[in-house]
C-alpha atoms as a PDB file:
ATOM      1  CA  UNK A   1      42.600 -50.703  20.771  1.00  0.00           C
ATOM      2  CA  UNK A   2      42.696 -52.320  17.296  1.00  0.00           C
ATOM      3  CA  UNK A   3      44.859 -51.049  14.462  1.00  0.00           C
ATOM      4  CA  UNK A   4      41.712 -49.929  12.579  1.00  0.00           C
ATOM      5  CA  UNK A   5      40.558 -47.846  15.541  1.00  0.00           C
ATOM      6  CA  UNK A   6      43.882 -46.226  15.802  1.00  0.00           C
ATOM      7  CA  UNK A   7      43.765 -45.280  12.136  1.00  0.00           C
ATOM      8  CA  UNK A   8      40.341 -43.765  12.404  1.00  0.00           C
ATOM      9  CA  UNK A   9      41.445 -41.727  15.409  1.00  0.00           C
ATOM     10  CA  UNK A  10      44.527 -40.492  13.600  1.00  0.00           C
ATOM     11  CA  UNK A  11      42.415 -39.470  10.557  1.00  0.00           C
ATOM     12  CA  UNK A  12      39.926 -37.636  12.745  1.00  0.00           C
ATOM     13  CA  UNK A  13      42.711 -35.779  14.516  1.00  0.00           C
ATOM     14  CA  UNK A  14      43.956 -34.568  11.072  1.00  0.00           C
ATOM     15  CA  UNK A  15      40.534 -33.722   9.556  1.00  0.00           C
ATOM     16  CA  UNK A  16      39.258 -31.619  12.469  1.00  0.00           C
ATOM     17  CA  UNK A  17      41.995 -28.940  12.364  1.00  0.00           C
ATOM     18  CA  UNK A  18      41.697 -28.886   8.542  1.00  0.00           C
ATOM     19  CA  UNK A  19      37.953 -28.305   8.686  1.00  0.00           C
ATOM     20  CA  UNK A  20      38.376 -25.542  11.258  1.00  0.00           C
ATOM     21  CA  UNK A  21      41.099 -23.933   9.104  1.00  0.00           C
ATOM     22  CA  UNK A  22      38.869 -24.095   6.035  1.00  0.00           C
ATOM     23  CA  UNK A  23      35.972 -22.484   7.904  1.00  0.00           C
ATOM     24  CA  UNK A  24      38.214 -19.696   9.203  1.00  0.00           C
ATOM     25  CA  UNK A  25      39.555 -19.017   5.720  1.00  0.00           C
ATOM     26  CA  UNK A  26      35.969 -18.922   4.366  1.00  0.00           C
ATOM     27  CA  UNK A  27      34.892 -16.354   6.973  1.00  0.00           C
ATOM     28  CA  UNK A  28      37.908 -14.165   6.207  1.00  0.00           C
ATOM     29  CA  UNK A  29      37.202 -14.302   2.453  1.00  0.00           C
ATOM     30  CA  UNK A  30      33.521 -13.340   2.995  1.00  0.00           C
ATOM     31  CA  UNK A  31      34.451 -10.391   5.214  1.00  0.00           C
ATOM     32  CA  UNK A  32      37.087  -9.144   2.774  1.00  0.00           C
ATOM     33  CA  UNK A  33      34.860  -9.617  -0.297  1.00  0.00           C
ATOM     34  CA  UNK A  34      37.034 -12.265  -1.871  1.00  0.00           C
ATOM     35  CA  UNK A  35      34.175 -14.715  -1.657  1.00  0.00           C
ATOM     36  CA  UNK A  36      30.550 -13.933  -2.357  1.00  0.00           C
ATOM     37  CA  UNK A  37      27.506 -16.082  -1.729  1.00  0.00           C
ATOM     38  CA  UNK A  38      25.708 -16.399  -5.080  1.00  0.00           C
ATOM     39  CA  UNK A  39      22.294 -14.719  -5.422  1.00  0.00           C
ATOM     40  CA  UNK A  40      19.299 -16.541  -6.795  1.00  0.00           C
ATOM     41  CA  UNK A  41      18.857 -13.524  -9.071  1.00  0.00           C
ATOM     42  CA  UNK A  42      21.407 -11.518 -10.976  1.00  0.00           C
ATOM     43  CA  UNK A  43      22.870  -8.504  -9.123  1.00  0.00           C
ATOM     44  CA  UNK A  44      21.155  -5.191  -9.646  1.00  0.00           C
ATOM     45  CA  UNK A  45      22.173  -1.578  -8.867  1.00  0.00           C
ATOM     46  CA  UNK A  46      20.335   0.049  -5.984  1.00  0.00           C
ATOM     47  CA  UNK A  47      17.972   2.864  -7.031  1.00  0.00           C
ATOM     48  CA  UNK A  48      18.609   6.520  -6.191  1.00  0.00           C
ATOM     49  CA  UNK A  49      17.343   7.434  -2.719  1.00  0.00           C
ATOM     50  CA  UNK A  50      16.779  10.434  -0.487  1.00  0.00           C
ATOM     51  CA  UNK A  51      17.412  10.311   3.249  1.00  0.00           C
ATOM     52  CA  UNK A  52      14.758  11.915   5.366  1.00  0.00           C
ATOM     53  CA  UNK A  53      16.233  13.167   8.651  1.00  0.00           C
ATOM     54  CA  UNK A  54      14.344  12.932  11.924  1.00  0.00           C
ATOM     55  CA  UNK A  55      11.843  15.692  12.647  1.00  0.00           C
ATOM     56  CA  UNK A  56       8.629  16.017  14.464  1.00  0.00           C
ATOM     57  CA  UNK A  57       5.499  15.558  12.338  1.00  0.00           C
ATOM     58  CA  UNK A  58       1.873  14.569  12.492  1.00  0.00           C
ATOM     59  CA  UNK A  59      -0.267  12.177  10.421  1.00  0.00           C
ATOM     60  CA  UNK A  60      -3.935  11.299  10.282  1.00  0.00           C
ATOM     61  CA  UNK A  61      -4.493   7.692  11.539  1.00  0.00           C
ATOM     62  CA  UNK A  62      -5.492   5.401   8.694  1.00  0.00           C
ATOM     63  CA  UNK A  63      -8.627   3.285   8.318  1.00  0.00           C
ATOM     64  CA  UNK A  64     -12.284   3.977   9.003  1.00  0.00           C
ATOM     65  CA  UNK A  65     -13.636   5.407  12.276  1.00  0.00           C
ATOM     66  CA  UNK A  66     -17.240   5.209  13.440  1.00  0.00           C
ATOM     67  CA  UNK A  67     -18.579   6.940  16.551  1.00  0.00           C
ATOM     68  CA  UNK A  68     -22.075   5.805  17.581  1.00  0.00           C
ATOM     69  CA  UNK A  69     -22.415   4.490  14.022  1.00  0.00           C
ATOM     70  CA  UNK A  70     -21.508   7.798  12.396  1.00  0.00           C
ATOM     71  CA  UNK A  71     -18.387   8.110  10.239  1.00  0.00           C
ATOM     72  CA  UNK A  72     -15.855  10.503  11.776  1.00  0.00           C
ATOM     73  CA  UNK A  73     -12.246  11.532  11.075  1.00  0.00           C
ATOM     74  CA  UNK A  74      -9.431   9.463  12.485  1.00  0.00           C
ATOM     75  CA  UNK A  75      -7.281  10.959  15.184  1.00  0.00           C
ATOM     76  CA  UNK A  76      -4.190  13.043  14.460  1.00  0.00           C
ATOM     77  CA  UNK A  77      -1.081  11.255  15.655  1.00  0.00           C
ATOM     78  CA  UNK A  78       1.961  13.267  16.712  1.00  0.00           C
ATOM     79  CA  UNK A  79       5.417  11.728  16.158  1.00  0.00           C
ATOM     80  CA  UNK A  80       8.196  13.461  18.069  1.00  0.00           C
ATOM     81  CA  UNK A  81      11.333  11.886  16.725  1.00  0.00           C
ATOM     82  CA  UNK A  82      11.074   9.231  14.004  1.00  0.00           C
ATOM     83  CA  UNK A  83      14.188   7.429  12.772  1.00  0.00           C
ATOM     84  CA  UNK A  84      15.854   8.544   9.530  1.00  0.00           C
ATOM     85  CA  UNK A  85      14.418   6.940   6.425  1.00  0.00           C
ATOM     86  CA  UNK A  86      15.903   6.209   3.021  1.00  0.00           C
ATOM     87  CA  UNK A  87      13.233   6.616   0.310  1.00  0.00           C
ATOM     88  CA  UNK A  88      13.393   6.072  -3.404  1.00  0.00           C
ATOM     89  CA  UNK A  89      13.656   9.467  -5.092  1.00  0.00           C
ATOM     90  CA  UNK A  90      11.347   8.311  -7.923  1.00  0.00           C
ATOM     91  CA  UNK A  91       8.619   5.784  -8.191  1.00  0.00           C
ATOM     92  CA  UNK A  92       9.657   2.353  -9.554  1.00  0.00           C
ATOM     93  CA  UNK A  93       9.853   2.702 -13.306  1.00  0.00           C
ATOM     94  CA  UNK A  94       8.675   0.485 -16.140  1.00  0.00           C
ATOM     95  CA  UNK A  95      12.313  -0.406 -16.915  1.00  0.00           C
ATOM     96  CA  UNK A  96      13.155  -1.348 -13.289  1.00  0.00           C
ATOM     97  CA  UNK A  97      10.029  -3.435 -12.936  1.00  0.00           C
ATOM     98  CA  UNK A  98      10.728  -5.172 -16.309  1.00  0.00           C
ATOM     99  CA  UNK A  99      14.027  -6.452 -14.889  1.00  0.00           C
ATOM    100  CA  UNK A 100      12.058  -8.208 -12.175  1.00  0.00           C
ATOM    101  CA  UNK A 101       9.699  -9.620 -14.712  1.00  0.00           C
ATOM    102  CA  UNK A 102      12.631 -10.807 -16.853  1.00  0.00           C
ATOM    103  CA  UNK A 103      14.071 -12.552 -13.786  1.00  0.00           C
ATOM    104  CA  UNK A 104      10.877 -14.469 -13.352  1.00  0.00           C
ATOM    105  CA  UNK A 105      10.187 -12.851  -9.972  1.00  0.00           C
ATOM    106  CA  UNK A 106       7.328 -10.514 -10.947  1.00  0.00           C
ATOM    107  CA  UNK A 107       4.193 -10.695 -12.994  1.00  0.00           C
ATOM    108  CA  UNK A 108       3.901  -8.486 -16.057  1.00  0.00           C
ATOM    109  CA  UNK A 109       2.359  -5.075 -15.250  1.00  0.00           C
ATOM    110  CA  UNK A 110      -0.981  -4.078 -16.799  1.00  0.00           C
ATOM    111  CA  UNK A 111      -0.769  -0.295 -17.402  1.00  0.00           C
ATOM    112  CA  UNK A 112      -3.698   1.717 -18.759  1.00  0.00           C
ATOM    113  CA  UNK A 113      -1.684   3.337 -21.484  1.00  0.00           C
ATOM    114  CA  UNK A 114       1.479   2.617 -23.484  1.00  0.00           C
ATOM    115  CA  UNK A 115       4.412   1.485 -21.390  1.00  0.00           C
ATOM    116  CA  UNK A 116       7.653   3.234 -22.317  1.00  0.00           C
ATOM    117  CA  UNK A 117      11.006   4.178 -20.842  1.00  0.00           C
ATOM    118  CA  UNK A 118      10.942   6.999 -18.296  1.00  0.00           C
ATOM    119  CA  UNK A 119       7.422   6.277 -16.971  1.00  0.00           C
ATOM    120  CA  UNK A 120       6.583   4.922 -13.517  1.00  0.00           C
ATOM    121  CA  UNK A 121       5.309   1.401 -13.635  1.00  0.00           C
ATOM    122  CA  UNK A 122       1.516   1.145 -13.153  1.00  0.00           C
ATOM    123  CA  UNK A 123      -1.081  -1.518 -13.355  1.00  0.00           C
ATOM    124  CA  UNK A 124       0.508  -3.340 -10.384  1.00  0.00           C
ATOM    125  CA  UNK A 125      -1.067  -4.611  -7.241  1.00  0.00           C
ATOM    126  CA  UNK A 126       0.107  -4.567  -3.624  1.00  0.00           C
ATOM    127  CA  UNK A 127       1.145  -8.198  -4.133  1.00  0.00           C
ATOM    128  CA  UNK A 128       3.169  -7.236  -7.251  1.00  0.00           C
ATOM    129  CA  UNK A 129       4.923  -4.490  -5.254  1.00  0.00           C
ATOM    130  CA  UNK A 130       5.786  -7.005  -2.479  1.00  0.00           C
ATOM    131  CA  UNK A 131       7.242  -9.385  -5.069  1.00  0.00           C
ATOM    132  CA  UNK A 132       9.378  -6.563  -6.560  1.00  0.00           C
ATOM    133  CA  UNK A 133      10.675  -5.564  -3.096  1.00  0.00           C
ATOM    134  CA  UNK A 134      11.686  -9.199  -2.419  1.00  0.00           C
ATOM    135  CA  UNK A 135      13.476  -9.385  -5.759  1.00  0.00           C
ATOM    136  CA  UNK A 136      15.261  -6.085  -5.330  1.00  0.00           C
ATOM    137  CA  UNK A 137      16.348  -6.997  -1.832  1.00  0.00           C
ATOM    138  CA  UNK A 138      17.997 -10.169  -3.044  1.00  0.00           C
ATOM    139  CA  UNK A 139      19.410  -8.592  -6.208  1.00  0.00           C
ATOM    140  CA  UNK A 140      21.020  -5.686  -4.306  1.00  0.00           C
ATOM    141  CA  UNK A 141      21.765  -7.358  -0.969  1.00  0.00           C
ATOM    142  CA  UNK A 142      19.864  -4.519   0.776  1.00  0.00           C
ATOM    143  CA  UNK A 143      16.563  -4.673   2.664  1.00  0.00           C
ATOM    144  CA  UNK A 144      13.805  -2.954   0.573  1.00  0.00           C
ATOM    145  CA  UNK A 145      10.111  -2.790   1.400  1.00  0.00           C
ATOM    146  CA  UNK A 146       6.967  -0.696   0.957  1.00  0.00           C
ATOM    147  CA  UNK A 147       6.654   2.218   3.341  1.00  0.00           C
ATOM    148  CA  UNK A 148       4.017   2.285   6.017  1.00  0.00           C
ATOM    149  CA  UNK A 149       1.344   4.965   5.913  1.00  0.00           C
ATOM    150  CA  UNK A 150       3.159   7.064   8.528  1.00  0.00           C
ATOM    151  CA  UNK A 151       6.468   6.711   6.740  1.00  0.00           C
ATOM    152  CA  UNK A 152       4.913   7.879   3.465  1.00  0.00           C
ATOM    153  CA  UNK A 153       3.532  10.999   5.175  1.00  0.00           C
ATOM    154  CA  UNK A 154       6.893  11.518   6.846  1.00  0.00           C
ATOM    155  CA  UNK A 155       8.634  11.531   3.459  1.00  0.00           C
ATOM    156  CA  UNK A 156       5.922  13.541   1.684  1.00  0.00           C
ATOM    157  CA  UNK A 157       6.120  16.384   4.214  1.00  0.00           C
ATOM    158  CA  UNK A 158       3.862  19.318   3.255  1.00  0.00           C
ATOM    159  CA  UNK A 159       2.688  17.474   0.108  1.00  0.00           C
ATOM    160  CA  UNK A 160       0.810  14.853   2.235  1.00  0.00           C
ATOM    161  CA  UNK A 161      -2.896  15.518   2.010  1.00  0.00           C
ATOM    162  CA  UNK A 162      -4.818  15.270   5.293  1.00  0.00           C
ATOM    163  CA  UNK A 163      -7.840  13.065   4.601  1.00  0.00           C
ATOM    164  CA  UNK A 164      -9.917  14.558   7.435  1.00  0.00           C
ATOM    165  CA  UNK A 165     -13.247  16.132   6.515  1.00  0.00           C
ATOM    166  CA  UNK A 166     -13.238  17.855   9.950  1.00  0.00           C
ATOM    167  CA  UNK A 167     -16.902  17.057  10.453  1.00  0.00           C
ATOM    168  CA  UNK A 168     -19.294  14.223  11.163  1.00  0.00           C
ATOM    169  CA  UNK A 169     -21.409  12.876   8.379  1.00  0.00           C
ATOM    170  CA  UNK A 170     -24.827  11.337   8.365  1.00  0.00           C
ATOM    171  CA  UNK A 171     -24.663   7.585   8.878  1.00  0.00           C
ATOM    172  CA  UNK A 172     -28.072   7.128   7.271  1.00  0.00           C
ATOM    173  CA  UNK A 173     -26.846   8.623   4.009  1.00  0.00           C
ATOM    174  CA  UNK A 174     -23.299   7.310   3.173  1.00  0.00           C
ATOM    175  CA  UNK A 175     -23.394   9.256  -0.134  1.00  0.00           C
ATOM    176  CA  UNK A 176     -22.868  12.491   1.793  1.00  0.00           C
ATOM    177  CA  UNK A 177     -19.440  11.422   3.006  1.00  0.00           C
ATOM    178  CA  UNK A 178     -18.517   9.924  -0.328  1.00  0.00           C
ATOM    179  CA  UNK A 179     -19.398  13.262  -2.078  1.00  0.00           C
ATOM    180  CA  UNK A 180     -17.485  15.257   0.537  1.00  0.00           C
ATOM    181  CA  UNK A 181     -14.473  12.962   0.128  1.00  0.00           C
ATOM    182  CA  UNK A 182     -14.734  13.293  -3.642  1.00  0.00           C
ATOM    183  CA  UNK A 183     -14.784  17.057  -3.554  1.00  0.00           C
ATOM    184  CA  UNK A 184     -11.831  17.195  -1.180  1.00  0.00           C
ATOM    185  CA  UNK A 185      -9.639  14.696  -3.124  1.00  0.00           C
ATOM    186  CA  UNK A 186     -10.564  16.299  -6.397  1.00  0.00           C
ATOM    187  CA  UNK A 187      -9.220  19.651  -5.269  1.00  0.00           C
ATOM    188  CA  UNK A 188      -5.977  18.070  -4.016  1.00  0.00           C
ATOM    189  CA  UNK A 189      -5.144  15.948  -7.008  1.00  0.00           C
ATOM    190  CA  UNK A 190      -2.528  17.147  -9.518  1.00  0.00           C
ATOM    191  CA  UNK A 191      -3.505  16.701 -13.122  1.00  0.00           C
ATOM    192  CA  UNK A 192      -6.702  14.801 -12.536  1.00  0.00           C
ATOM    193  CA  UNK A 193      -7.036  11.140 -11.687  1.00  0.00           C
ATOM    194  CA  UNK A 194      -7.914  10.263 -15.313  1.00  0.00           C
ATOM    195  CA  UNK A 195      -4.543  11.483 -16.515  1.00  0.00           C
ATOM    196  CA  UNK A 196      -2.067   8.901 -17.718  1.00  0.00           C
ATOM    197  CA  UNK A 197       1.258   8.473 -15.907  1.00  0.00           C
ATOM    198  CA  UNK A 198       3.879  11.109 -16.734  1.00  0.00           C
ATOM    199  CA  UNK A 199       7.679  10.823 -17.048  1.00  0.00           C
ATOM    200  CA  UNK A 200       9.655  10.774 -13.777  1.00  0.00           C
ATOM    201  CA  UNK A 201      10.077  14.186 -12.373  1.00  0.00           C
ATOM    202  CA  UNK A 202       7.133  15.704 -14.244  1.00  0.00           C
ATOM    203  CA  UNK A 203       5.445  16.796 -10.950  1.00  0.00           C
ATOM    204  CA  UNK A 204       8.509  18.220  -9.407  1.00  0.00           C
ATOM    205  CA  UNK A 205      10.188  17.486  -6.021  1.00  0.00           C
ATOM    206  CA  UNK A 206       9.100  18.139  -2.477  1.00  0.00           C
ATOM    207  CA  UNK A 207      11.211  19.996   0.095  1.00  0.00           C
ATOM    208  CA  UNK A 208      13.286  16.890   0.689  1.00  0.00           C
ATOM    209  CA  UNK A 209      14.041  16.187  -2.986  1.00  0.00           C
ATOM    210  CA  UNK A 210      11.569  13.335  -3.515  1.00  0.00           C
ATOM    211  CA  UNK A 211       9.770  13.515  -6.883  1.00  0.00           C
ATOM    212  CA  UNK A 212       6.176  12.986  -7.947  1.00  0.00           C
ATOM    213  CA  UNK A 213       4.567  12.132  -4.560  1.00  0.00           C
ATOM    214  CA  UNK A 214       1.315  13.803  -5.592  1.00  0.00           C
ATOM    215  CA  UNK A 215       1.278  13.165  -9.387  1.00  0.00           C
ATOM    216  CA  UNK A 216      -1.054  10.912 -11.285  1.00  0.00           C
ATOM    217  CA  UNK A 217       0.175   7.681  -9.719  1.00  0.00           C
ATOM    218  CA  UNK A 218      -1.122   6.512  -6.323  1.00  0.00           C
ATOM    219  CA  UNK A 219       1.438   4.542  -4.293  1.00  0.00           C
ATOM    220  CA  UNK A 220       0.903   1.347  -2.318  1.00  0.00           C
ATOM    221  CA  UNK A 221       1.792   1.395   1.403  1.00  0.00           C
ATOM    222  CA  UNK A 222       2.265  -1.519   3.733  1.00  0.00           C
ATOM    223  CA  UNK A 223      -0.486  -0.370   6.100  1.00  0.00           C
ATOM    224  CA  UNK A 224      -3.570  -2.538   6.478  1.00  0.00           C
ATOM    225  CA  UNK A 225      -7.025  -0.972   6.462  1.00  0.00           C
ATOM    226  CA  UNK A 226      -8.818  -0.925   9.749  1.00  0.00           C
ATOM    227  CA  UNK A 227     -12.384  -0.235  11.074  1.00  0.00           C
ATOM    228  CA  UNK A 228     -12.453   1.293  14.521  1.00  0.00           C
ATOM    229  CA  UNK A 229     -15.552   1.732  16.623  1.00  0.00           C
ATOM    230  CA  UNK A 230     -15.584   4.602  19.173  1.00  0.00           C
ATOM    231  CA  UNK A 231     -18.026   5.249  21.994  1.00  0.00           C
ATOM    232  CA  UNK A 232     -19.704   8.569  22.635  1.00  0.00           C
ATOM    233  CA  UNK A 233     -16.706   9.888  24.520  1.00  0.00           C
ATOM    234  CA  UNK A 234     -14.270   8.922  21.741  1.00  0.00           C
ATOM    235  CA  UNK A 235     -12.746   5.866  23.402  1.00  0.00           C
ATOM    236  CA  UNK A 236     -11.993   2.794  21.280  1.00  0.00           C
ATOM    237  CA  UNK A 237     -14.584   0.057  21.719  1.00  0.00           C
ATOM    238  CA  UNK A 238     -13.198  -2.279  19.053  1.00  0.00           C
ATOM    239  CA  UNK A 239     -10.820  -2.391  16.074  1.00  0.00           C
ATOM    240  CA  UNK A 240     -10.875  -4.786  13.156  1.00  0.00           C
ATOM    241  CA  UNK A 241      -7.817  -5.047  10.906  1.00  0.00           C
ATOM    242  CA  UNK A 242      -8.232  -6.175   7.316  1.00  0.00           C
ATOM    243  CA  UNK A 243      -4.860  -6.824   5.557  1.00  0.00           C
ATOM    244  CA  UNK A 244      -6.591  -7.994   2.408  1.00  0.00           C
ATOM    245  CA  UNK A 245      -7.012  -4.197   1.906  1.00  0.00           C
ATOM    246  CA  UNK A 246      -4.147  -1.795   1.952  1.00  0.00           C
ATOM    247  CA  UNK A 247      -3.925   2.006   1.993  1.00  0.00           C
ATOM    248  CA  UNK A 248      -2.774   3.925  -1.032  1.00  0.00           C
ATOM    249  CA  UNK A 249      -1.274   7.400  -0.817  1.00  0.00           C
ATOM    250  CA  UNK A 250      -0.798  10.191  -3.396  1.00  0.00           C
ATOM    251  CA  UNK A 251      -3.195  12.970  -4.349  1.00  0.00           C
ATOM    252  CA  UNK A 252      -5.353  11.647  -1.543  1.00  0.00           C
ATOM    253  CA  UNK A 253      -5.478   8.563   0.701  1.00  0.00           C
ATOM    254  CA  UNK A 254      -7.719   5.629  -0.178  1.00  0.00           C
ATOM    255  CA  UNK A 255      -8.091   1.924   0.732  1.00  0.00           C
ATOM    256  CA  UNK A 256      -7.782  -0.672  -1.985  1.00  0.00           C
ATOM    257  CA  UNK A 257      -7.968  -4.429  -2.259  1.00  0.00           C
ATOM    258  CA  UNK A 258      -4.420  -5.826  -2.336  1.00  0.00           C
ATOM    259  CA  UNK A 259      -4.952  -7.754  -5.505  1.00  0.00           C
ATOM    260  CA  UNK A 260      -6.270  -4.795  -7.540  1.00  0.00           C
ATOM    261  CA  UNK A 261      -4.102  -3.482 -10.368  1.00  0.00           C
ATOM    262  CA  UNK A 262      -6.491  -0.830 -11.692  1.00  0.00           C
ATOM    263  CA  UNK A 263      -8.609   1.292  -9.374  1.00  0.00           C
ATOM    264  CA  UNK A 264     -11.388   1.532 -11.969  1.00  0.00           C
ATOM    265  CA  UNK A 265     -12.074  -2.243 -11.488  1.00  0.00           C
ATOM    266  CA  UNK A 266     -13.562  -1.790  -8.058  1.00  0.00           C
ATOM    267  CA  UNK A 267     -11.854  -2.395  -4.744  1.00  0.00           C
ATOM    268  CA  UNK A 268     -12.572  -0.165  -1.739  1.00  0.00           C
ATOM    269  CA  UNK A 269     -11.560   3.208  -3.023  1.00  0.00           C
ATOM    270  CA  UNK A 270     -13.379   6.287  -1.790  1.00  0.00           C
ATOM    271  CA  UNK A 271     -13.565   9.676  -3.393  1.00  0.00           C
ATOM    272  CA  UNK A 272     -11.788  10.297  -6.694  1.00  0.00           C
ATOM    273  CA  UNK A 273     -10.856   6.991  -8.463  1.00  0.00           C
ATOM    274  CA  UNK A 274      -7.275   5.993  -8.276  1.00  0.00           C
ATOM    275  CA  UNK A 275      -6.664   4.835 -11.845  1.00  0.00           C
ATOM    276  CA  UNK A 276      -2.888   4.522 -11.821  1.00  0.00           C
ATOM    277  CA  UNK A 277      -1.482   2.185  -9.138  1.00  0.00           C
ATOM    278  CA  UNK A 278       2.240   2.193  -8.633  1.00  0.00           C
ATOM    279  CA  UNK A 279       4.745   2.292  -5.788  1.00  0.00           C
ATOM    280  CA  UNK A 280       8.171   3.353  -4.431  1.00  0.00           C
ATOM    281  CA  UNK A 281      10.133   1.552  -1.752  1.00  0.00           C
ATOM    282  CA  UNK A 282      12.106   2.428   1.348  1.00  0.00           C
ATOM    283  CA  UNK A 283      15.437   0.907   2.446  1.00  0.00           C
ATOM    284  CA  UNK A 284      15.365  -0.285   6.084  1.00  0.00           C
ATOM    285  CA  UNK A 285      14.455  -3.173   8.304  1.00  0.00           C
ATOM    286  CA  UNK A 286      11.204  -5.160   8.028  1.00  0.00           C
ATOM    287  CA  UNK A 287       7.981  -3.207   8.557  1.00  0.00           C
ATOM    288  CA  UNK A 288       5.597  -4.225  11.301  1.00  0.00           C
ATOM    289  CA  UNK A 289       2.589  -5.440   9.248  1.00  0.00           C
END
């Protein structure tokens, strides 16, 4: 063995313990909070949430159902024991969303009326809501996401409107179902869909303490729209999922193209138009979408 080789071996024998010691110190500092990994975005405070405890509940399956070509109501799904869920008490506000825009992580919202403090953000698409959830997750170090349809109903409790018409409609005249849906959603909508967004808390709280779930803002969910074909006995023949269209919840349920920021511009909404598009988030693991 040459003198050079001996020197390299000696250096290696000294560096390895030093590297291991440095790694151990780093782990200890991370666990004790003495060292923090820098965020891409500035830190932000987590929003106020309400924890919904497990309970049995039911929800109407989302999407469109056709039986022998005739539109019918989706099945009622019973959930025996869902996990607890942390839900934002209020919808994401204009001020909260503006922080995401200022950080360069969100597009500017396009509300119908004046945007001022105390109002929920509106004029945002499903894609905008997703961008905000990603920003908030990094800024707070907590996992935030849009609720699924069933989670939204779980959190809304008795305020969730059942979209079922409880009858078949004539497939040869789609206007009949549209008119029936319009009448049902109009009677269930607080304040009228043409009303502008109101300050947080204006529509009160539900039994769990969550505010404004059936106000003048419809909320994006993570659930994709579906089209399910049933045979004469009610068995599923086929199901087509379209994630370019997501389901909105609020005064009534409606599908909407994920890029839409104003329900008046088109999309796939049925029944009463959903003029004000906003959202609230849940804090938990990734949704299955």
